[in-house]
Amino acid sequence: MKMSSEMDTPEVLRVELETFKREHRDLDAAIHALEEMGRSDALRLRRLKKQKLALKDRIRNIEDRLTPDIIA
């Protein structure tokens, strides 16, 4: 789903970036807590890791859009 150009402003992208980074950290903490318990649900753990990976991709995409291309 492509956002309108108004939603692609650097300010909006930075807010989204911080939100996704916070969610990524929260998922990391949840995954770590489940692993520490030792008897975690493997399916739940796999789903959380998949969500975390998807967030990482979204974060990288936004960071790429915020970083100007440099021609070397």
C-alpha atoms as a PDB file:
ATOM      1  CA  MET A   1       0.000   0.000   0.000  1.00  0.00           C
ATOM      2  CA  LYS A   2       1.560   3.290  -1.134  1.00  0.00           C
ATOM      3  CA  MET A   3       0.981   6.374   0.967  1.00  0.00           C
ATOM      4  CA  SER A   4       0.132   9.706  -0.570  1.00  0.00           C
ATOM      5  CA  SER A   5       2.942  12.199  -1.073  1.00  0.00           C
ATOM      6  CA  GLU A   6       1.654  14.209   1.886  1.00  0.00           C
ATOM      7  CA  MET A   7       2.292  11.196   4.115  1.00  0.00           C
ATOM      8  CA  ASP A   8       5.879  10.873   2.846  1.00  0.00           C
ATOM      9  CA  THR A   9       7.168  14.068   4.407  1.00  0.00           C
ATOM     10  CA  PRO A  10      10.429  13.675   6.347  1.00  0.00           C
ATOM     11  CA  GLU A  11       8.659  14.604   9.579  1.00  0.00           C
ATOM     12  CA  VAL A  12       6.039  11.875   9.164  1.00  0.00           C
ATOM     13  CA  LEU A  13       8.700   9.353   8.167  1.00  0.00           C
ATOM     14  CA  ARG A  14      10.760  10.187  11.266  1.00  0.00           C
ATOM     15  CA  VAL A  15       7.718   9.673  13.525  1.00  0.00           C
ATOM     16  CA  GLU A  16       6.984   6.347  11.822  1.00  0.00           C
ATOM     17  CA  LEU A  17      10.639   5.375  12.165  1.00  0.00           C
ATOM     18  CA  GLU A  18      10.657   6.009  15.913  1.00  0.00           C
ATOM     19  CA  THR A  19       7.374   4.143  16.335  1.00  0.00           C
ATOM     20  CA  PHE A  20       8.679   1.116  14.435  1.00  0.00           C
ATOM     21  CA  LYS A  21      11.966   1.183  16.354  1.00  0.00           C
ATOM     22  CA  ARG A  22      10.047   1.194  19.650  1.00  0.00           C
ATOM     23  CA  GLU A  23       7.883  -1.725  18.487  1.00  0.00           C
ATOM     24  CA  HIS A  24      11.044  -3.581  17.384  1.00  0.00           C
ATOM     25  CA  ARG A  25      12.602  -3.107  20.838  1.00  0.00           C
ATOM     26  CA  ASP A  26       9.379  -4.258  22.521  1.00  0.00           C
ATOM     27  CA  LEU A  27       9.260  -7.389  20.378  1.00  0.00           C
ATOM     28  CA  ASP A  28      12.916  -8.059  21.152  1.00  0.00           C
ATOM     29  CA  ALA A  29      12.192  -7.833  24.871  1.00  0.00           C
ATOM     30  CA  ALA A  30       9.156 -10.124  24.547  1.00  0.00           C
ATOM     31  CA  ILE A  31      11.157 -12.692  22.580  1.00  0.00           C
ATOM     32  CA  HIS A  32      13.971 -12.565  25.118  1.00  0.00           C
ATOM     33  CA  ALA A  33      11.519 -13.010  28.003  1.00  0.00           C
ATOM     34  CA  LEU A  34       9.890 -16.023  26.331  1.00  0.00           C
ATOM     35  CA  GLU A  35      13.273 -17.598  25.652  1.00  0.00           C
ATOM     36  CA  GLU A  36      14.345 -17.036  29.273  1.00  0.00           C
ATOM     37  CA  MET A  37      11.259 -18.907  30.509  1.00  0.00           C
ATOM     38  CA  GLY A  38      12.612 -21.995  28.786  1.00  0.00           C
ATOM     39  CA  ARG A  39       9.202 -23.507  28.095  1.00  0.00           C
ATOM     40  CA  SER A  40       7.962 -21.013  25.539  1.00  0.00           C
ATOM     41  CA  ASP A  41       5.505 -21.767  22.755  1.00  0.00           C
ATOM     42  CA  ALA A  42       7.620 -22.357  19.624  1.00  0.00           C
ATOM     43  CA  LEU A  43       4.880 -21.156  17.269  1.00  0.00           C
ATOM     44  CA  ARG A  44       4.366 -17.931  19.220  1.00  0.00           C
ATOM     45  CA  LEU A  45       8.114 -17.350  19.329  1.00  0.00           C
ATOM     46  CA  ARG A  46       8.409 -17.895  15.577  1.00  0.00           C
ATOM     47  CA  ARG A  47       5.553 -15.443  14.917  1.00  0.00           C
ATOM     48  CA  LEU A  48       7.141 -12.784  17.120  1.00  0.00           C
ATOM     49  CA  LYS A  49      10.474 -13.213  15.355  1.00  0.00           C
ATOM     50  CA  LYS A  50       8.748 -12.909  11.976  1.00  0.00           C
ATOM     51  CA  GLN A  51       7.033  -9.685  13.114  1.00  0.00           C
ATOM     52  CA  LYS A  52      10.361  -8.356  14.348  1.00  0.00           C
ATOM     53  CA  LEU A  53      11.989  -9.105  10.989  1.00  0.00           C
ATOM     54  CA  ALA A  54       9.168  -7.361   9.112  1.00  0.00           C
ATOM     55  CA  LEU A  55       9.590  -4.293  11.328  1.00  0.00           C
ATOM     56  CA  LYS A  56      13.331  -4.323  10.659  1.00  0.00           C
ATOM     57  CA  ASP A  57      12.606  -4.241   6.918  1.00  0.00           C
ATOM     58  CA  ARG A  58      10.183  -1.325   7.362  1.00  0.00           C
ATOM     59  CA  ILE A  59      12.743   0.537   9.486  1.00  0.00           C
ATOM     60  CA  ARG A  60      15.449   0.010   6.869  1.00  0.00           C
ATOM     61  CA  ASN A  61      13.089   1.177   4.108  1.00  0.00           C
ATOM     62  CA  ILE A  62      12.263   4.411   5.945  1.00  0.00           C
ATOM     63  CA  GLU A  63      15.920   5.038   6.805  1.00  0.00           C
ATOM     64  CA  ASP A  64      16.788   4.600   3.122  1.00  0.00           C
ATOM     65  CA  ARG A  65      14.090   7.094   2.142  1.00  0.00           C
ATOM     66  CA  LEU A  66      15.374   9.622   4.689  1.00  0.00           C
ATOM     67  CA  THR A  67      19.005   9.246   3.635  1.00  0.00           C
ATOM     68  CA  PRO A  68      19.850  11.132   0.437  1.00  0.00           C
ATOM     69  CA  ASP A  69      21.523   9.162  -2.332  1.00  0.00           C
ATOM     70  CA  ILE A  70      25.212   9.948  -2.659  1.00  0.00           C
ATOM     71  CA  ILE A  71      26.791   9.429  -6.056  1.00  0.00           C
ATOM     72  CA  ALA A  72      30.386   8.383  -5.575  1.00  0.00           C
END
